[in-house]
């Protein structure tokens, strides 16, 4: 006859069994009517009676009609502040927000660190001090000096142990 019954806006204390005819249902205080979800066999009809829950009425009947018989299931409804409206969905949402906020902080710190390192590398490449090799002919011996010099002039004065040498730059 009837295979399964679920209460969409309440909690059955026992799992539905077609051979158990009385059930207790807990609902939140704002619920005025039970919402059923059920599966039945072919040629079976269902009628829900007395489905208005208030202080005077807390019993709902589910009549199942077959060609040969009728079975009535009785649901005793109790209103409680079960907080089903807040339930597990809001708990999951609060966890998701917490996880996203945590990863967001790490992303920001990582992005700022990478940008800072990139800026340091670019500045070190662009503003690297240029070195030029100077060759001084010293009586047939070639000495190499590493000297930092100003690129705006082609002549530079070198001071070496009190002697001033006029040196001209050449590219080798």
N, C-alpha and C. Protein backbone atom coordinates (compact mmCIF):
# COMPACT_ATOMS: atom_id res chain seq x y z
N UNK A 1 0.82 -1.19 0.00
CA UNK A 1 0.00 0.00 0.00
C UNK A 1 0.87 1.26 0.00
N UNK A 2 1.33 1.68 1.17
CA UNK A 2 2.17 2.87 1.26
C UNK A 2 3.59 2.42 1.61
N UNK A 3 4.55 2.93 0.89
CA UNK A 3 5.93 2.47 1.07
C UNK A 3 6.73 3.33 2.04
N UNK A 4 6.55 4.65 1.94
CA UNK A 4 7.37 5.54 2.76
C UNK A 4 6.61 6.83 3.00
N UNK A 5 6.78 7.38 4.19
CA UNK A 5 6.18 8.68 4.54
C UNK A 5 7.27 9.51 5.20
N UNK A 6 7.39 10.75 4.75
CA UNK A 6 8.32 11.70 5.35
C UNK A 6 7.56 12.97 5.69
N UNK A 7 7.92 13.58 6.79
CA UNK A 7 7.37 14.87 7.18
C UNK A 7 8.41 15.92 6.79
N UNK A 8 8.06 16.80 5.88
CA UNK A 8 9.03 17.77 5.36
C UNK A 8 9.31 18.90 6.33
N UNK A 9 8.33 19.26 7.15
CA UNK A 9 8.53 20.39 8.07
C UNK A 9 8.49 19.95 9.53
N UNK A 10 8.84 18.71 9.80
CA UNK A 10 8.87 18.21 11.16
C UNK A 10 9.76 16.98 11.26
N UNK A 11 9.83 16.42 12.46
CA UNK A 11 10.68 15.26 12.70
C UNK A 11 9.85 14.10 13.23
N UNK A 12 9.86 12.99 12.54
CA UNK A 12 9.23 11.76 13.06
C UNK A 12 10.17 11.16 14.10
N UNK A 13 9.62 10.76 15.24
CA UNK A 13 10.48 10.14 16.25
C UNK A 13 10.89 8.73 15.87
N UNK A 14 10.04 8.04 15.14
CA UNK A 14 10.37 6.69 14.64
C UNK A 14 10.42 6.72 13.13
N UNK A 15 11.23 5.86 12.56
CA UNK A 15 11.24 5.72 11.11
C UNK A 15 9.92 5.08 10.68
N UNK A 16 9.41 5.53 9.53
CA UNK A 16 8.10 5.05 9.10
C UNK A 16 8.16 3.56 8.74
N UNK A 17 7.13 2.85 9.21
CA UNK A 17 6.95 1.44 8.92
C UNK A 17 5.47 1.26 8.61
N UNK A 18 5.14 0.60 7.53
CA UNK A 18 3.73 0.50 7.13
C UNK A 18 2.87 -0.26 8.13
N UNK A 19 3.50 -0.99 9.04
CA UNK A 19 2.73 -1.76 10.04
C UNK A 19 2.65 -1.04 11.40
N UNK A 20 3.24 0.12 11.51
CA UNK A 20 3.11 0.95 12.71
C UNK A 20 2.12 2.06 12.37
N UNK A 21 1.08 2.21 13.18
CA UNK A 21 -0.03 3.09 12.80
C UNK A 21 -0.08 4.39 13.60
N UNK A 22 0.77 4.57 14.61
CA UNK A 22 0.77 5.80 15.39
C UNK A 22 2.20 6.33 15.49
N UNK A 23 2.32 7.66 15.29
CA UNK A 23 3.63 8.30 15.29
C UNK A 23 3.56 9.61 16.05
N UNK A 24 4.71 10.01 16.59
CA UNK A 24 4.86 11.31 17.23
C UNK A 24 5.71 12.18 16.32
N UNK A 25 5.25 13.42 16.13
CA UNK A 25 5.95 14.36 15.26
C UNK A 25 6.26 15.63 16.05
N UNK A 26 7.50 16.09 15.96
CA UNK A 26 7.87 17.37 16.57
C UNK A 26 8.02 18.40 15.46
N UNK A 27 7.38 19.55 15.67
CA UNK A 27 7.47 20.65 14.70
C UNK A 27 7.83 21.92 15.43
N UNK A 28 8.30 22.89 14.67
CA UNK A 28 8.62 24.20 15.24
C UNK A 28 7.33 24.94 15.56
N UNK A 29 7.41 25.93 16.41
CA UNK A 29 6.21 26.61 16.92
C UNK A 29 5.43 27.35 15.84
N UNK A 30 6.04 27.74 14.77
CA UNK A 30 5.34 28.49 13.73
C UNK A 30 4.62 27.60 12.71
N UNK A 31 4.77 26.29 12.77
CA UNK A 31 4.15 25.36 11.81
C UNK A 31 2.66 25.22 12.12
N UNK A 32 1.83 25.41 11.08
CA UNK A 32 0.38 25.28 11.24
C UNK A 32 -0.18 24.05 10.52
N UNK A 33 0.61 23.44 9.67
CA UNK A 33 0.13 22.33 8.84
C UNK A 33 1.31 21.42 8.51
N UNK A 34 1.10 20.10 8.58
CA UNK A 34 2.17 19.17 8.22
C UNK A 34 2.27 19.04 6.71
N UNK A 35 3.51 18.96 6.23
CA UNK A 35 3.75 18.73 4.80
C UNK A 35 4.30 17.31 4.66
N UNK A 36 3.56 16.49 3.91
CA UNK A 36 3.92 15.08 3.76
C UNK A 36 4.57 14.84 2.40
N UNK A 37 5.49 13.88 2.40
CA UNK A 37 6.05 13.34 1.16
C UNK A 37 5.95 11.83 1.31
N UNK A 38 5.22 11.19 0.40
CA UNK A 38 5.00 9.75 0.54
C UNK A 38 5.04 9.08 -0.83
N UNK A 39 5.32 7.76 -0.80
CA UNK A 39 5.29 6.94 -2.01
C UNK A 39 4.31 5.80 -1.76
N UNK A 40 3.47 5.57 -2.77
CA UNK A 40 2.43 4.54 -2.64
C UNK A 40 2.47 3.62 -3.86
N UNK A 41 1.85 2.47 -3.71
CA UNK A 41 1.72 1.52 -4.82
C UNK A 41 0.66 2.01 -5.80
N UNK A 42 0.54 1.34 -6.94
CA UNK A 42 -0.49 1.66 -7.93
C UNK A 42 -1.87 1.38 -7.35
N UNK A 43 -2.86 2.13 -7.82
CA UNK A 43 -4.26 1.98 -7.39
C UNK A 43 -4.47 2.24 -5.90
N UNK A 44 -3.64 3.08 -5.33
CA UNK A 44 -3.77 3.47 -3.91
C UNK A 44 -3.96 4.98 -3.86
N UNK A 45 -4.88 5.42 -3.03
CA UNK A 45 -5.10 6.86 -2.86
C UNK A 45 -4.87 7.22 -1.40
N UNK A 46 -4.52 8.49 -1.17
CA UNK A 46 -4.19 8.97 0.17
C UNK A 46 -5.03 10.20 0.45
N UNK A 47 -5.53 10.27 1.66
CA UNK A 47 -6.29 11.44 2.11
C UNK A 47 -5.72 11.88 3.45
N UNK A 48 -5.47 13.18 3.59
CA UNK A 48 -4.94 13.73 4.84
C UNK A 48 -6.09 14.49 5.51
N UNK A 49 -6.40 14.08 6.73
CA UNK A 49 -7.50 14.71 7.46
C UNK A 49 -6.97 15.46 8.67
N UNK A 50 -7.71 16.52 9.02
CA UNK A 50 -7.46 17.26 10.25
C UNK A 50 -6.05 17.87 10.28
N UNK A 51 -5.59 18.34 9.14
CA UNK A 51 -4.21 18.83 9.03
C UNK A 51 -4.13 20.32 9.32
N UNK A 52 -4.68 20.73 10.45
CA UNK A 52 -4.56 22.12 10.93
C UNK A 52 -4.10 22.04 12.36
N UNK A 53 -2.87 22.45 12.61
CA UNK A 53 -2.26 22.29 13.93
C UNK A 53 -2.42 23.58 14.70
N UNK A 54 -3.01 23.49 15.88
CA UNK A 54 -3.11 24.62 16.79
C UNK A 54 -3.15 24.08 18.21
N UNK A 55 -3.45 24.93 19.17
CA UNK A 55 -3.46 24.49 20.57
C UNK A 55 -4.55 23.46 20.85
N UNK A 56 -5.67 23.56 20.15
CA UNK A 56 -6.79 22.64 20.38
C UNK A 56 -6.62 21.34 19.60
N UNK A 57 -5.94 21.39 18.48
CA UNK A 57 -5.82 20.22 17.62
C UNK A 57 -4.35 19.89 17.40
N UNK A 58 -3.96 18.70 17.76
CA UNK A 58 -2.60 18.28 17.50
C UNK A 58 -2.53 16.86 16.94
N UNK A 59 -3.63 16.40 16.33
CA UNK A 59 -3.67 15.06 15.75
C UNK A 59 -4.01 15.18 14.27
N UNK A 60 -3.18 14.55 13.42
CA UNK A 60 -3.39 14.56 11.98
C UNK A 60 -3.52 13.10 11.54
N UNK A 61 -4.46 12.85 10.63
CA UNK A 61 -4.71 11.49 10.15
C UNK A 61 -4.31 11.38 8.68
N UNK A 62 -3.69 10.26 8.35
CA UNK A 62 -3.31 9.96 6.98
C UNK A 62 -4.03 8.66 6.62
N UNK A 63 -5.07 8.78 5.78
CA UNK A 63 -5.86 7.62 5.37
C UNK A 63 -5.34 7.11 4.03
N UNK A 64 -5.08 5.80 3.97
CA UNK A 64 -4.59 5.17 2.75
C UNK A 64 -5.67 4.19 2.29
N UNK A 65 -6.14 4.41 1.05
CA UNK A 65 -7.23 3.59 0.51
C UNK A 65 -6.70 2.67 -0.58
N UNK A 66 -7.05 1.41 -0.45
CA UNK A 66 -6.75 0.40 -1.45
C UNK A 66 -8.10 -0.12 -1.94
N UNK A 67 -8.11 -0.94 -2.95
CA UNK A 67 -9.37 -1.50 -3.46
C UNK A 67 -10.07 -2.32 -2.37
N UNK A 68 -9.27 -3.02 -1.57
CA UNK A 68 -9.85 -3.94 -0.58
C UNK A 68 -9.93 -3.37 0.83
N UNK A 69 -9.06 -2.39 1.17
CA UNK A 69 -9.00 -1.98 2.57
C UNK A 69 -8.65 -0.50 2.72
N UNK A 70 -8.77 -0.05 3.97
CA UNK A 70 -8.39 1.31 4.35
C UNK A 70 -7.53 1.22 5.61
N UNK A 71 -6.42 1.94 5.58
CA UNK A 71 -5.53 1.99 6.74
C UNK A 71 -5.37 3.44 7.14
N UNK A 72 -5.46 3.72 8.45
CA UNK A 72 -5.31 5.09 8.94
C UNK A 72 -4.06 5.16 9.82
N UNK A 73 -3.20 6.12 9.48
CA UNK A 73 -2.02 6.39 10.29
C UNK A 73 -2.30 7.67 11.08
N UNK A 74 -1.96 7.66 12.36
CA UNK A 74 -2.23 8.80 13.23
C UNK A 74 -0.91 9.45 13.62
N UNK A 75 -0.86 10.78 13.47
CA UNK A 75 0.34 11.55 13.80
C UNK A 75 -0.01 12.52 14.93
N UNK A 76 0.62 12.33 16.10
CA UNK A 76 0.46 13.23 17.23
C UNK A 76 1.54 14.31 17.12
N UNK A 77 1.09 15.54 16.97
CA UNK A 77 2.00 16.64 16.67
C UNK A 77 2.24 17.47 17.92
N UNK A 78 3.51 17.73 18.21
CA UNK A 78 3.91 18.56 19.36
C UNK A 78 4.77 19.70 18.85
N UNK A 79 4.35 20.92 19.23
CA UNK A 79 5.10 22.11 18.83
C UNK A 79 6.18 22.38 19.86
N UNK A 80 7.37 22.54 19.38
CA UNK A 80 8.52 22.87 20.21
C UNK A 80 9.38 23.87 19.46
N UNK A 81 10.17 24.59 20.20
CA UNK A 81 11.12 25.49 19.56
C UNK A 81 12.34 24.67 19.17
N UNK A 82 12.26 24.00 18.03
CA UNK A 82 13.33 23.09 17.60
C UNK A 82 14.41 23.79 16.80
N UNK A 83 14.18 25.06 16.44
CA UNK A 83 15.14 25.82 15.63
C UNK A 83 15.45 25.12 14.32
N UNK A 84 14.48 24.42 13.78
CA UNK A 84 14.70 23.76 12.48
C UNK A 84 14.93 24.79 11.38
N UNK A 85 14.39 25.99 11.57
CA UNK A 85 14.58 27.00 10.54
C UNK A 85 16.04 27.42 10.46
N UNK A 86 16.78 27.33 11.57
CA UNK A 86 18.20 27.65 11.53
C UNK A 86 19.01 26.43 11.12
N UNK A 87 18.70 25.30 11.67
CA UNK A 87 19.21 23.99 11.31
C UNK A 87 20.62 23.89 10.78
N UNK A 88 20.87 22.83 10.08
CA UNK A 88 22.21 22.48 9.61
C UNK A 88 22.67 23.37 8.45
N UNK A 89 21.73 23.92 7.67
CA UNK A 89 22.13 24.74 6.52
C UNK A 89 22.86 25.99 6.97
N UNK A 90 22.35 26.67 8.01
CA UNK A 90 23.04 27.86 8.49
C UNK A 90 24.37 27.51 9.12
N UNK A 91 24.45 26.37 9.77
CA UNK A 91 25.73 25.94 10.34
C UNK A 91 26.76 25.74 9.23
N UNK A 92 26.35 25.11 8.13
CA UNK A 92 27.26 24.91 7.00
C UNK A 92 27.69 26.25 6.41
N UNK A 93 26.75 27.19 6.29
CA UNK A 93 27.10 28.50 5.72
C UNK A 93 28.11 29.21 6.60
N UNK A 94 27.94 29.13 7.93
CA UNK A 94 28.89 29.79 8.81
C UNK A 94 30.28 29.17 8.68
N UNK A 95 30.37 27.86 8.50
CA UNK A 95 31.66 27.21 8.30
C UNK A 95 32.29 27.64 6.98
N UNK A 96 31.49 27.73 5.93
CA UNK A 96 32.02 28.13 4.63
C UNK A 96 32.59 29.53 4.69
N UNK A 97 31.90 30.45 5.35
CA UNK A 97 32.39 31.82 5.45
C UNK A 97 33.71 31.85 6.22
N UNK A 98 33.81 31.09 7.29
CA UNK A 98 35.03 31.05 8.08
C UNK A 98 36.19 30.53 7.24
N UNK A 99 35.98 29.48 6.49
CA UNK A 99 37.04 28.91 5.66
C UNK A 99 37.44 29.89 4.58
N UNK A 100 36.48 30.53 3.92
CA UNK A 100 36.81 31.49 2.86
C UNK A 100 37.59 32.66 3.42
N UNK A 101 37.20 33.20 4.59
CA UNK A 101 37.92 34.31 5.18
C UNK A 101 39.36 33.93 5.49
N UNK A 102 39.58 32.71 5.98
CA UNK A 102 40.93 32.27 6.32
C UNK A 102 41.80 32.21 5.07
N UNK A 103 41.29 31.61 4.00
CA UNK A 103 42.07 31.53 2.77
C UNK A 103 42.27 32.90 2.13
N UNK A 104 41.32 33.80 2.29
CA UNK A 104 41.44 35.14 1.75
C UNK A 104 42.63 35.85 2.39
N UNK A 105 42.82 35.72 3.70
CA UNK A 105 43.94 36.35 4.37
C UNK A 105 45.27 35.83 3.83
N UNK A 106 45.37 34.52 3.63
CA UNK A 106 46.61 33.96 3.10
C UNK A 106 46.86 34.42 1.66
N UNK A 107 45.82 34.55 0.87
CA UNK A 107 45.98 35.01 -0.51
C UNK A 107 46.51 36.44 -0.54
N UNK A 108 45.98 37.30 0.32
CA UNK A 108 46.41 38.69 0.35
C UNK A 108 47.87 38.78 0.77
N UNK A 109 48.25 38.06 1.81
CA UNK A 109 49.64 38.09 2.29
C UNK A 109 50.58 37.56 1.20
N UNK A 110 50.21 36.49 0.54
CA UNK A 110 51.04 35.92 -0.52
C UNK A 110 51.18 36.86 -1.70
N UNK A 111 50.09 37.50 -2.10
CA UNK A 111 50.12 38.43 -3.23
C UNK A 111 50.99 39.64 -2.92
N UNK A 112 50.87 40.21 -1.73
CA UNK A 112 51.68 41.37 -1.35
C UNK A 112 53.15 40.98 -1.31
N UNK A 113 53.48 39.81 -0.77
CA UNK A 113 54.88 39.36 -0.70
C UNK A 113 55.46 39.18 -2.10
N UNK A 114 54.71 38.56 -3.00
CA UNK A 114 55.20 38.36 -4.37
C UNK A 114 55.44 39.69 -5.08
N UNK A 115 54.52 40.63 -4.92
CA UNK A 115 54.70 41.95 -5.54
C UNK A 115 55.93 42.65 -5.00
N UNK A 116 56.13 42.57 -3.70
CA UNK A 116 57.30 43.21 -3.09
C UNK A 116 58.60 42.61 -3.63
N UNK A 117 58.68 41.30 -3.72
CA UNK A 117 59.88 40.65 -4.26
C UNK A 117 60.10 41.01 -5.72
N UNK A 118 59.03 41.09 -6.50
CA UNK A 118 59.14 41.46 -7.91
C UNK A 118 59.67 42.88 -8.06
N UNK A 119 59.20 43.79 -7.23
CA UNK A 119 59.68 45.17 -7.29
C UNK A 119 61.16 45.24 -6.94
N UNK A 120 61.59 44.51 -5.93
CA UNK A 120 63.01 44.51 -5.56
C UNK A 120 63.87 43.97 -6.70
N UNK A 121 63.45 42.91 -7.35
CA UNK A 121 64.22 42.32 -8.46
C UNK A 121 64.31 43.29 -9.62
N UNK A 122 63.19 43.93 -9.98
CA UNK A 122 63.19 44.88 -11.10
C UNK A 122 64.10 46.06 -10.80
N UNK A 123 64.04 46.62 -9.60
CA UNK A 123 64.90 47.75 -9.25
C UNK A 123 66.37 47.35 -9.24
N UNK A 124 66.69 46.15 -8.77
CA UNK A 124 68.09 45.74 -8.76
C UNK A 124 68.63 45.56 -10.18
N UNK A 125 67.80 45.13 -11.10
CA UNK A 125 68.24 44.99 -12.50
C UNK A 125 68.38 46.35 -13.17
N UNK A 126 67.42 47.23 -12.97
CA UNK A 126 67.44 48.54 -13.64
C UNK A 126 68.52 49.47 -13.10
N UNK A 127 68.75 49.44 -11.82
CA UNK A 127 69.66 50.41 -11.22
C UNK A 127 70.98 49.78 -10.77
N UNK A 128 71.40 48.74 -11.46
CA UNK A 128 72.67 48.09 -11.16
C UNK A 128 73.80 49.02 -11.59
N UNK A 129 74.81 49.15 -10.75
CA UNK A 129 75.94 50.03 -11.10
C UNK A 129 76.75 49.38 -12.22
N UNK A 130 77.01 50.17 -13.22
CA UNK A 130 77.74 49.66 -14.38
C UNK A 130 79.24 49.69 -14.11
N UNK A 131 79.92 48.65 -14.54
CA UNK A 131 81.36 48.52 -14.39
C UNK A 131 82.00 48.59 -15.76
N UNK A 132 83.17 49.22 -15.85
CA UNK A 132 83.89 49.28 -17.12
C UNK A 132 85.34 48.91 -16.88
N UNK A 133 85.89 48.22 -17.84
CA UNK A 133 87.29 47.80 -17.73
C UNK A 133 88.16 48.90 -18.33
N UNK A 134 89.20 49.27 -17.61
CA UNK A 134 90.18 50.25 -18.10
C UNK A 134 91.52 49.55 -18.24
N UNK A 135 92.12 49.78 -19.38
CA UNK A 135 93.45 49.20 -19.62
C UNK A 135 94.47 50.34 -19.61
N UNK A 136 95.52 50.16 -18.88
CA UNK A 136 96.57 51.17 -18.80
C UNK A 136 97.87 50.51 -19.29
N UNK A 137 98.47 51.15 -20.29
CA UNK A 137 99.73 50.63 -20.82
C UNK A 137 100.84 51.10 -19.91
N UNK A 138 101.50 50.16 -19.30
CA UNK A 138 102.54 50.49 -18.33
C UNK A 138 103.86 49.87 -18.81
N UNK A 139 104.40 50.45 -19.87
CA UNK A 139 105.68 49.98 -20.39
C UNK A 139 105.59 48.59 -20.98
N UNK A 140 104.54 48.27 -21.71
CA UNK A 140 104.41 46.97 -22.34
C UNK A 140 103.59 45.98 -21.53
N UNK A 141 103.42 46.22 -20.23
CA UNK A 141 102.57 45.35 -19.39
C UNK A 141 101.16 45.94 -19.34
N UNK A 142 100.19 45.09 -19.55
CA UNK A 142 98.81 45.58 -19.50
C UNK A 142 98.23 45.25 -18.13
N UNK A 143 97.84 46.28 -17.42
CA UNK A 143 97.16 46.11 -16.13
C UNK A 143 95.68 46.41 -16.33
N UNK A 144 94.85 45.65 -15.66
CA UNK A 144 93.40 45.86 -15.77
C UNK A 144 92.91 46.43 -14.45
N UNK A 145 92.17 47.51 -14.53
CA UNK A 145 91.58 48.13 -13.35
C UNK A 145 90.05 48.09 -13.48
N UNK A 146 89.37 47.74 -12.42
CA UNK A 146 87.92 47.86 -12.39
C UNK A 146 87.58 49.20 -11.78
N UNK A 147 86.94 50.05 -12.55
CA UNK A 147 86.65 51.41 -12.10
C UNK A 147 85.19 51.71 -12.42
N UNK A 148 84.49 52.30 -11.45
CA UNK A 148 83.16 52.82 -11.71
C UNK A 148 83.34 54.23 -12.23
N UNK A 149 82.68 54.57 -13.28
CA UNK A 149 82.89 55.89 -13.84
C UNK A 149 81.56 56.47 -14.33
N UNK A 150 81.60 57.73 -14.64
CA UNK A 150 80.43 58.45 -15.11
C UNK A 150 80.35 58.29 -16.62
N UNK A 151 79.24 57.82 -17.14
CA UNK A 151 79.09 57.59 -18.58
C UNK A 151 78.99 58.88 -19.38
N UNK A 152 78.82 60.01 -18.74
CA UNK A 152 78.65 61.27 -19.47
C UNK A 152 79.95 61.79 -20.06
N UNK A 153 81.08 61.33 -19.55
CA UNK A 153 82.36 61.81 -20.09
C UNK A 153 83.16 60.64 -20.64
N UNK A 154 83.94 60.92 -21.68
CA UNK A 154 84.78 59.86 -22.23
C UNK A 154 86.17 59.91 -21.59
N UNK A 155 86.55 61.03 -21.00
CA UNK A 155 87.84 61.14 -20.31
C UNK A 155 87.60 61.11 -18.81
N UNK A 156 88.38 60.37 -18.10
CA UNK A 156 88.28 60.31 -16.64
C UNK A 156 89.68 60.43 -16.07
N UNK A 157 89.78 60.99 -14.89
CA UNK A 157 91.07 61.09 -14.22
C UNK A 157 91.14 60.01 -13.16
N UNK A 158 92.21 59.24 -13.18
CA UNK A 158 92.42 58.19 -12.20
C UNK A 158 93.51 58.63 -11.24
N UNK A 159 93.30 58.38 -9.98
CA UNK A 159 94.32 58.74 -9.00
C UNK A 159 94.89 57.43 -8.46
N UNK A 160 96.19 57.26 -8.63
CA UNK A 160 96.83 56.03 -8.17
C UNK A 160 98.14 56.40 -7.48
N UNK A 161 98.20 56.21 -6.21
CA UNK A 161 99.37 56.49 -5.36
C UNK A 161 99.95 57.87 -5.63
N UNK A 162 99.06 58.86 -5.68
CA UNK A 162 99.53 60.23 -5.83
C UNK A 162 99.78 60.65 -7.25
N UNK A 163 99.84 59.74 -8.23
CA UNK A 163 100.06 60.10 -9.61
C UNK A 163 98.72 60.23 -10.31
N UNK A 164 98.51 61.25 -11.06
CA UNK A 164 97.29 61.43 -11.83
C UNK A 164 97.57 60.97 -13.24
N UNK A 165 96.77 60.06 -13.71
CA UNK A 165 96.97 59.49 -15.03
C UNK A 165 95.78 59.89 -15.87
N UNK A 166 96.03 60.42 -17.09
CA UNK A 166 94.95 60.72 -18.02
C UNK A 166 94.60 59.44 -18.75
N UNK A 167 93.37 59.01 -18.57
CA UNK A 167 92.99 57.75 -19.19
C UNK A 167 91.81 57.99 -20.11
N UNK A 168 91.82 57.32 -21.25
CA UNK A 168 90.74 57.39 -22.19
C UNK A 168 90.06 56.03 -22.20
N UNK A 169 88.72 56.06 -22.30
CA UNK A 169 88.00 54.80 -22.31
C UNK A 169 87.97 54.21 -23.69
N UNK A 170 88.14 52.91 -23.78
CA UNK A 170 87.97 52.23 -25.03
C UNK A 170 87.13 50.98 -24.76
N UNK A 171 86.36 50.65 -25.74
CA UNK A 171 85.54 49.45 -25.63
C UNK A 171 86.30 48.30 -26.27
N UNK A 172 86.38 47.22 -25.56
CA UNK A 172 87.11 46.06 -26.06
C UNK A 172 86.13 44.96 -26.38
